[in-house]
N, C-alpha and C. Protein backbone atom coordinates (compact mmCIF):
# COMPACT_ATOMS: atom_id res chain seq x y z
N MET A 1 -5.55 -6.21 29.75
CA MET A 1 -4.10 -6.13 30.02
C MET A 1 -3.90 -5.53 31.42
N SER A 2 -3.08 -6.17 32.19
CA SER A 2 -2.78 -5.69 33.54
C SER A 2 -2.02 -4.37 33.46
N ASP A 3 -2.17 -3.54 34.49
CA ASP A 3 -1.41 -2.29 34.53
C ASP A 3 -0.11 -2.48 35.31
N LYS A 4 0.18 -3.73 35.71
CA LYS A 4 1.42 -4.00 36.42
C LYS A 4 2.12 -5.22 35.83
N LEU A 5 3.43 -5.18 35.90
CA LEU A 5 4.26 -6.30 35.47
C LEU A 5 5.12 -6.73 36.66
N ILE A 6 5.39 -8.01 36.77
CA ILE A 6 6.24 -8.54 37.83
C ILE A 6 7.54 -9.01 37.19
N LEU A 7 8.62 -8.32 37.51
CA LEU A 7 9.96 -8.66 37.04
C LEU A 7 10.67 -9.38 38.19
N THR A 8 10.87 -10.67 38.03
CA THR A 8 11.56 -11.43 39.07
C THR A 8 13.02 -11.58 38.67
N LEU A 9 13.89 -10.90 39.42
CA LEU A 9 15.33 -11.00 39.22
C LEU A 9 15.87 -12.06 40.16
N ASP A 10 17.09 -12.50 39.94
CA ASP A 10 17.66 -13.45 40.90
C ASP A 10 17.97 -12.77 42.23
N THR A 11 17.79 -11.45 42.31
CA THR A 11 17.97 -10.70 43.55
C THR A 11 16.64 -10.44 44.27
N GLY A 12 15.50 -10.67 43.59
CA GLY A 12 14.19 -10.47 44.21
C GLY A 12 13.15 -9.96 43.22
N GLU A 13 11.93 -9.78 43.71
CA GLU A 13 10.80 -9.40 42.88
C GLU A 13 10.63 -7.89 42.77
N VAL A 14 10.38 -7.43 41.55
CA VAL A 14 10.21 -6.01 41.25
C VAL A 14 8.84 -5.82 40.59
N VAL A 15 8.03 -4.93 41.14
CA VAL A 15 6.71 -4.65 40.58
C VAL A 15 6.78 -3.34 39.81
N ILE A 16 6.38 -3.39 38.55
CA ILE A 16 6.41 -2.22 37.67
C ILE A 16 4.99 -1.83 37.29
N GLU A 17 4.63 -0.60 37.56
CA GLU A 17 3.35 -0.05 37.11
C GLU A 17 3.58 0.51 35.71
N THR A 18 2.74 0.11 34.75
CA THR A 18 2.92 0.57 33.37
C THR A 18 2.08 1.82 33.10
N TYR A 19 2.47 2.55 32.06
CA TYR A 19 1.80 3.79 31.66
C TYR A 19 1.21 3.65 30.26
N PRO A 20 0.15 2.83 30.09
CA PRO A 20 -0.42 2.65 28.75
C PRO A 20 -1.00 3.93 28.16
N ASP A 21 -1.34 4.88 29.02
CA ASP A 21 -1.87 6.16 28.52
C ASP A 21 -0.76 7.03 27.91
N LYS A 22 0.48 6.82 28.34
CA LYS A 22 1.60 7.65 27.87
C LYS A 22 2.42 6.98 26.77
N ALA A 23 2.47 5.66 26.79
CA ALA A 23 3.28 4.92 25.82
C ALA A 23 2.59 3.60 25.47
N PRO A 24 1.42 3.67 24.83
CA PRO A 24 0.63 2.46 24.59
C PRO A 24 1.36 1.39 23.77
N GLY A 25 2.08 1.78 22.76
CA GLY A 25 2.80 0.81 21.93
C GLY A 25 3.91 0.12 22.68
N HIS A 26 4.63 0.87 23.50
CA HIS A 26 5.74 0.30 24.27
C HIS A 26 5.24 -0.62 25.38
N VAL A 27 4.17 -0.20 26.07
CA VAL A 27 3.60 -1.04 27.12
C VAL A 27 3.08 -2.34 26.50
N ALA A 28 2.41 -2.24 25.36
CA ALA A 28 1.89 -3.44 24.69
C ALA A 28 3.03 -4.38 24.30
N ARG A 29 4.13 -3.83 23.77
CA ARG A 29 5.26 -4.65 23.34
C ARG A 29 5.95 -5.33 24.52
N ILE A 30 6.27 -4.56 25.56
CA ILE A 30 6.95 -5.12 26.73
C ILE A 30 6.08 -6.21 27.35
N THR A 31 4.78 -5.94 27.47
CA THR A 31 3.85 -6.91 28.06
C THR A 31 3.78 -8.17 27.20
N GLU A 32 3.68 -7.99 25.89
CA GLU A 32 3.62 -9.13 24.97
C GLU A 32 4.87 -10.00 25.09
N LEU A 33 6.04 -9.36 25.04
CA LEU A 33 7.30 -10.11 25.14
C LEU A 33 7.42 -10.80 26.50
N ALA A 34 7.03 -10.08 27.57
CA ALA A 34 7.10 -10.65 28.91
C ALA A 34 6.23 -11.90 29.00
N ASP A 35 5.00 -11.78 28.54
CA ASP A 35 4.06 -12.90 28.65
C ASP A 35 4.43 -14.07 27.73
N GLU A 36 5.20 -13.81 26.70
CA GLU A 36 5.71 -14.88 25.83
C GLU A 36 6.94 -15.57 26.42
N GLY A 37 7.48 -15.01 27.52
CA GLY A 37 8.67 -15.59 28.13
C GLY A 37 9.97 -15.14 27.50
N PHE A 38 9.91 -14.12 26.64
CA PHE A 38 11.11 -13.62 25.93
C PHE A 38 12.24 -13.24 26.89
N TYR A 39 11.89 -12.59 28.00
CA TYR A 39 12.90 -12.04 28.91
C TYR A 39 13.48 -13.07 29.88
N ASP A 40 12.79 -14.19 30.06
CA ASP A 40 13.21 -15.19 31.06
C ASP A 40 14.62 -15.69 30.77
N GLY A 41 15.48 -15.59 31.76
CA GLY A 41 16.85 -16.06 31.62
C GLY A 41 17.84 -15.05 31.07
N LEU A 42 17.33 -13.89 30.60
CA LEU A 42 18.25 -12.86 30.08
C LEU A 42 18.94 -12.16 31.25
N THR A 43 20.00 -11.43 30.94
CA THR A 43 20.78 -10.75 31.97
C THR A 43 20.57 -9.24 31.95
N LEU A 44 20.96 -8.62 33.05
CA LEU A 44 21.07 -7.16 33.09
C LEU A 44 22.47 -6.89 32.56
N HIS A 45 22.53 -6.54 31.28
CA HIS A 45 23.81 -6.53 30.56
C HIS A 45 24.57 -5.21 30.63
N ARG A 46 23.92 -4.17 31.11
CA ARG A 46 24.58 -2.86 31.22
C ARG A 46 24.05 -2.18 32.47
N VAL A 47 24.87 -2.16 33.51
CA VAL A 47 24.44 -1.61 34.80
C VAL A 47 25.48 -0.58 35.23
N ILE A 48 25.07 0.67 35.23
CA ILE A 48 25.98 1.78 35.52
C ILE A 48 25.59 2.44 36.83
N GLU A 49 26.50 2.42 37.79
CA GLU A 49 26.28 3.00 39.12
C GLU A 49 25.78 4.44 39.00
N GLY A 50 24.70 4.75 39.73
CA GLY A 50 24.16 6.10 39.75
C GLY A 50 23.37 6.48 38.51
N PHE A 51 23.24 5.54 37.55
CA PHE A 51 22.54 5.86 36.30
C PHE A 51 21.38 4.90 36.05
N MET A 52 21.67 3.68 35.59
CA MET A 52 20.59 2.79 35.24
C MET A 52 21.05 1.35 35.09
N ALA A 53 20.04 0.43 35.06
CA ALA A 53 20.25 -0.99 34.79
C ALA A 53 19.48 -1.33 33.52
N GLN A 54 20.19 -1.83 32.51
CA GLN A 54 19.58 -2.14 31.22
C GLN A 54 19.49 -3.65 31.02
N MET A 55 18.39 -4.07 30.37
CA MET A 55 18.14 -5.49 30.15
C MET A 55 17.32 -5.68 28.88
N GLY A 56 17.10 -6.94 28.49
CA GLY A 56 16.24 -7.24 27.35
C GLY A 56 16.96 -7.57 26.08
N CYS A 57 18.29 -7.81 26.16
CA CYS A 57 19.06 -8.18 24.97
C CYS A 57 19.30 -9.69 24.98
N PRO A 58 18.78 -10.41 23.98
CA PRO A 58 18.99 -11.86 23.95
C PRO A 58 20.46 -12.26 23.75
N ARG A 59 21.27 -11.35 23.24
CA ARG A 59 22.70 -11.63 23.05
C ARG A 59 23.53 -11.31 24.30
N GLY A 60 22.94 -10.56 25.23
CA GLY A 60 23.62 -10.23 26.47
C GLY A 60 24.69 -9.16 26.35
N ASN A 61 24.71 -8.44 25.22
CA ASN A 61 25.74 -7.41 25.03
C ASN A 61 25.19 -6.08 24.52
N GLY A 62 23.87 -5.96 24.44
CA GLY A 62 23.26 -4.70 24.01
C GLY A 62 23.03 -4.57 22.52
N THR A 63 23.34 -5.61 21.74
CA THR A 63 23.22 -5.51 20.29
C THR A 63 22.02 -6.26 19.72
N GLY A 64 21.22 -6.90 20.57
CA GLY A 64 20.12 -7.72 20.07
C GLY A 64 18.76 -7.23 20.49
N GLY A 65 17.75 -7.84 19.87
CA GLY A 65 16.37 -7.53 20.19
C GLY A 65 15.48 -8.70 19.83
N SER A 66 14.18 -8.48 19.90
CA SER A 66 13.23 -9.52 19.52
C SER A 66 13.12 -9.54 18.00
N ASP A 67 12.35 -10.50 17.48
CA ASP A 67 12.15 -10.57 16.03
C ASP A 67 10.98 -9.70 15.58
N LYS A 68 10.42 -8.92 16.50
CA LYS A 68 9.31 -8.03 16.17
C LYS A 68 9.86 -6.70 15.62
N PRO A 69 9.06 -6.00 14.82
CA PRO A 69 9.53 -4.73 14.26
C PRO A 69 9.81 -3.69 15.34
N ASN A 70 10.73 -2.78 15.06
CA ASN A 70 11.03 -1.70 16.01
C ASN A 70 9.81 -0.82 16.22
N LEU A 71 9.81 -0.13 17.34
CA LEU A 71 8.69 0.72 17.74
C LEU A 71 8.93 2.18 17.38
N LYS A 72 7.84 2.88 17.10
CA LYS A 72 7.91 4.33 16.92
C LYS A 72 7.99 4.97 18.31
N ALA A 73 8.87 5.93 18.46
CA ALA A 73 9.05 6.61 19.75
C ALA A 73 7.72 7.17 20.26
N GLU A 74 7.53 7.11 21.56
CA GLU A 74 6.35 7.69 22.23
C GLU A 74 6.84 8.56 23.38
N PHE A 75 7.62 9.59 23.04
CA PHE A 75 8.16 10.48 24.06
C PHE A 75 6.98 11.13 24.80
N ASN A 76 7.13 11.30 26.10
CA ASN A 76 6.03 11.83 26.92
C ASN A 76 6.58 12.70 28.04
N ASP A 77 5.70 13.13 28.93
CA ASP A 77 6.09 14.08 29.98
C ASP A 77 6.61 13.41 31.25
N THR A 78 6.83 12.10 31.24
CA THR A 78 7.37 11.42 32.41
C THR A 78 8.86 11.72 32.53
N SER A 79 9.27 12.24 33.68
CA SER A 79 10.68 12.54 33.89
C SER A 79 11.42 11.27 34.31
N HIS A 80 12.64 11.13 33.83
CA HIS A 80 13.48 9.97 34.14
C HIS A 80 14.08 10.13 35.54
N GLN A 81 13.29 9.73 36.53
CA GLN A 81 13.68 9.78 37.94
C GLN A 81 13.80 8.36 38.47
N ARG A 82 14.30 8.21 39.67
CA ARG A 82 14.50 6.89 40.27
C ARG A 82 13.30 5.97 40.06
N GLY A 83 13.56 4.77 39.54
CA GLY A 83 12.53 3.77 39.34
C GLY A 83 11.82 3.81 38.01
N VAL A 84 12.01 4.86 37.22
CA VAL A 84 11.33 4.94 35.94
C VAL A 84 11.91 3.90 34.97
N CYS A 85 11.01 3.26 34.23
CA CYS A 85 11.38 2.27 33.22
C CYS A 85 11.23 2.93 31.85
N SER A 86 12.26 2.83 31.04
CA SER A 86 12.27 3.51 29.76
C SER A 86 12.89 2.60 28.71
N MET A 87 12.53 2.85 27.46
CA MET A 87 12.98 1.99 26.37
C MET A 87 14.38 2.38 25.91
N ALA A 88 15.24 1.39 25.81
CA ALA A 88 16.56 1.62 25.23
C ALA A 88 16.40 1.66 23.71
N ARG A 89 17.32 2.32 23.04
CA ARG A 89 17.25 2.42 21.59
C ARG A 89 18.63 2.73 21.04
N ALA A 90 18.77 2.59 19.74
CA ALA A 90 19.99 3.01 19.06
C ALA A 90 19.86 4.51 18.76
N GLN A 91 20.70 5.03 17.89
CA GLN A 91 20.67 6.47 17.60
C GLN A 91 19.32 6.91 17.03
N ASP A 92 18.70 6.06 16.23
CA ASP A 92 17.39 6.35 15.66
C ASP A 92 16.34 6.32 16.78
N PRO A 93 15.59 7.41 16.99
CA PRO A 93 14.59 7.43 18.05
C PRO A 93 13.53 6.34 17.91
N ASN A 94 13.32 5.85 16.68
CA ASN A 94 12.32 4.82 16.42
C ASN A 94 12.93 3.42 16.33
N SER A 95 13.94 3.15 17.14
CA SER A 95 14.63 1.86 17.07
C SER A 95 14.44 1.01 18.34
N GLY A 96 13.55 1.43 19.24
CA GLY A 96 13.27 0.62 20.42
C GLY A 96 12.66 -0.71 20.01
N ASN A 97 13.03 -1.79 20.71
CA ASN A 97 12.52 -3.10 20.35
C ASN A 97 12.17 -3.92 21.59
N SER A 98 13.17 -4.42 22.30
CA SER A 98 12.92 -5.24 23.49
C SER A 98 13.73 -4.77 24.70
N GLN A 99 14.79 -4.01 24.46
CA GLN A 99 15.64 -3.59 25.57
C GLN A 99 15.05 -2.38 26.28
N PHE A 100 15.17 -2.42 27.61
CA PHE A 100 14.72 -1.30 28.41
C PHE A 100 15.65 -1.12 29.60
N PHE A 101 15.49 0.00 30.29
CA PHE A 101 16.33 0.26 31.45
C PHE A 101 15.50 0.82 32.59
N ILE A 102 16.02 0.63 33.80
CA ILE A 102 15.41 1.17 35.01
C ILE A 102 16.41 2.14 35.61
N VAL A 103 15.95 3.37 35.86
CA VAL A 103 16.80 4.45 36.31
C VAL A 103 17.07 4.35 37.82
N PHE A 104 18.33 4.49 38.22
CA PHE A 104 18.72 4.49 39.64
C PHE A 104 18.51 5.85 40.30
N ASP A 105 18.86 6.93 39.62
CA ASP A 105 18.83 8.28 40.17
C ASP A 105 18.29 9.25 39.13
N ASP A 106 18.35 10.53 39.39
CA ASP A 106 17.89 11.54 38.45
C ASP A 106 18.63 11.39 37.12
N ALA A 107 17.87 11.12 36.07
CA ALA A 107 18.42 11.05 34.71
C ALA A 107 17.55 11.90 33.79
N SER A 108 17.13 13.06 34.31
CA SER A 108 16.21 13.93 33.56
C SER A 108 16.80 14.44 32.25
N PHE A 109 18.12 14.31 32.09
CA PHE A 109 18.73 14.69 30.80
C PHE A 109 18.24 13.79 29.67
N LEU A 110 17.60 12.66 30.00
CA LEU A 110 17.03 11.76 28.99
C LEU A 110 15.60 12.14 28.60
N ASP A 111 14.98 13.04 29.39
CA ASP A 111 13.58 13.40 29.15
C ASP A 111 13.38 13.88 27.71
N GLY A 112 12.31 13.41 27.08
CA GLY A 112 11.97 13.82 25.73
C GLY A 112 12.81 13.16 24.66
N GLN A 113 13.73 12.26 25.05
CA GLN A 113 14.58 11.58 24.08
C GLN A 113 14.42 10.06 24.13
N TYR A 114 13.84 9.56 25.23
CA TYR A 114 13.60 8.14 25.42
C TYR A 114 12.17 7.95 25.90
N THR A 115 11.56 6.84 25.54
CA THR A 115 10.16 6.58 25.88
C THR A 115 10.04 5.94 27.26
N ALA A 116 9.59 6.72 28.23
CA ALA A 116 9.30 6.20 29.57
C ALA A 116 7.95 5.49 29.48
N TRP A 117 7.90 4.24 29.96
CA TRP A 117 6.67 3.44 29.84
C TRP A 117 6.17 2.88 31.17
N GLY A 118 6.89 3.14 32.26
CA GLY A 118 6.44 2.63 33.55
C GLY A 118 7.36 3.06 34.68
N LYS A 119 7.05 2.55 35.88
CA LYS A 119 7.85 2.88 37.05
C LYS A 119 7.79 1.74 38.06
N VAL A 120 8.94 1.47 38.69
CA VAL A 120 9.00 0.48 39.76
C VAL A 120 8.23 1.03 40.96
N VAL A 121 7.25 0.26 41.44
CA VAL A 121 6.46 0.68 42.60
C VAL A 121 6.76 -0.18 43.84
N GLU A 122 7.42 -1.32 43.64
CA GLU A 122 7.87 -2.18 44.74
C GLU A 122 9.13 -2.90 44.30
N GLY A 123 10.08 -3.08 45.23
CA GLY A 123 11.24 -3.92 44.96
C GLY A 123 12.42 -3.22 44.29
N MET A 124 12.46 -1.89 44.32
CA MET A 124 13.58 -1.19 43.69
C MET A 124 14.91 -1.59 44.34
N GLU A 125 14.86 -2.03 45.60
CA GLU A 125 16.09 -2.47 46.27
C GLU A 125 16.71 -3.67 45.56
N HIS A 126 15.90 -4.44 44.85
CA HIS A 126 16.42 -5.61 44.12
C HIS A 126 17.13 -5.18 42.82
N VAL A 127 16.69 -4.07 42.26
CA VAL A 127 17.39 -3.50 41.09
C VAL A 127 18.70 -2.87 41.58
N ASP A 128 18.63 -2.20 42.74
CA ASP A 128 19.82 -1.55 43.31
C ASP A 128 20.98 -2.51 43.52
N THR A 129 20.68 -3.78 43.79
CA THR A 129 21.75 -4.75 44.08
C THR A 129 22.27 -5.46 42.82
N ALA A 130 21.79 -5.06 41.64
CA ALA A 130 22.27 -5.67 40.40
C ALA A 130 23.78 -5.46 40.25
N LYS A 131 24.45 -6.47 39.74
CA LYS A 131 25.91 -6.41 39.51
C LYS A 131 26.22 -5.34 38.47
N ARG A 132 27.22 -4.50 38.77
CA ARG A 132 27.61 -3.41 37.88
C ARG A 132 28.56 -3.90 36.79
N GLY A 133 28.50 -3.21 35.62
CA GLY A 133 29.41 -3.50 34.52
C GLY A 133 28.72 -3.36 33.18
N GLU A 134 29.52 -3.36 32.12
CA GLU A 134 29.02 -3.22 30.75
C GLU A 134 29.70 -4.23 29.82
N PRO A 135 29.42 -5.52 29.89
CA PRO A 135 28.48 -6.18 30.81
C PRO A 135 29.17 -6.56 32.11
N PRO A 136 28.39 -6.83 33.15
CA PRO A 136 28.96 -7.28 34.42
C PRO A 136 29.64 -8.64 34.26
N ALA A 137 30.67 -8.89 35.06
CA ALA A 137 31.39 -10.17 35.00
C ALA A 137 30.46 -11.33 35.37
N ASN A 138 29.60 -11.13 36.37
CA ASN A 138 28.66 -12.16 36.80
C ASN A 138 27.29 -11.50 36.87
N PRO A 139 26.63 -11.30 35.71
CA PRO A 139 25.44 -10.45 35.66
C PRO A 139 24.24 -10.99 36.42
N THR A 140 23.45 -10.05 36.92
CA THR A 140 22.16 -10.35 37.51
C THR A 140 21.27 -10.88 36.40
N LYS A 141 20.45 -11.89 36.73
CA LYS A 141 19.58 -12.50 35.71
C LYS A 141 18.11 -12.24 35.98
N ILE A 142 17.34 -12.23 34.88
CA ILE A 142 15.89 -12.20 34.96
C ILE A 142 15.42 -13.65 35.09
N VAL A 143 14.70 -13.95 36.16
CA VAL A 143 14.15 -15.29 36.33
C VAL A 143 12.88 -15.40 35.49
N THR A 144 11.92 -14.51 35.75
CA THR A 144 10.71 -14.42 34.95
C THR A 144 10.26 -12.97 34.87
N PHE A 145 9.43 -12.68 33.88
CA PHE A 145 8.86 -11.35 33.71
C PHE A 145 7.48 -11.58 33.13
N ARG A 146 6.43 -11.21 33.87
CA ARG A 146 5.05 -11.48 33.45
C ARG A 146 4.11 -10.37 33.89
N SER A 147 2.93 -10.34 33.24
CA SER A 147 1.85 -9.46 33.69
C SER A 147 1.41 -9.92 35.08
N ALA A 148 1.05 -8.96 35.92
CA ALA A 148 0.51 -9.31 37.24
C ALA A 148 -0.87 -9.94 37.04
N ALA A 149 -1.20 -10.88 37.89
CA ALA A 149 -2.48 -11.60 37.76
C ALA A 149 -3.65 -10.66 38.02
């Protein structure tokens, strides 16, 4: 399994380094879904200025996920700082499935409550230009999302 994922948005390419040592179940799930093409064509459905860009909902409104079982939380010592990728979830800490978010700025108030599984190492400027909204009127789209070769 590659330690990097390539998230191609309609705004440009984003390289994410994964943390399989800190969140092995989450990295395995995101990688599996990415390589199956699950994310291709989905939108960034919740983008909040100064906070984060969320994606991975097949319904485009934050209420959907994959048909795979939810994941057990893997909270770790990674702080939610600019570029960190973390799993979205419902109120239940063990409800992460396919949705994740990329943090724009310091969101350390999420530390220990959400599973951080990676970090953007190239192309954060392409996440920065994502259309804002919940959901955005004309949302940024995921073109492809795959393991790096």
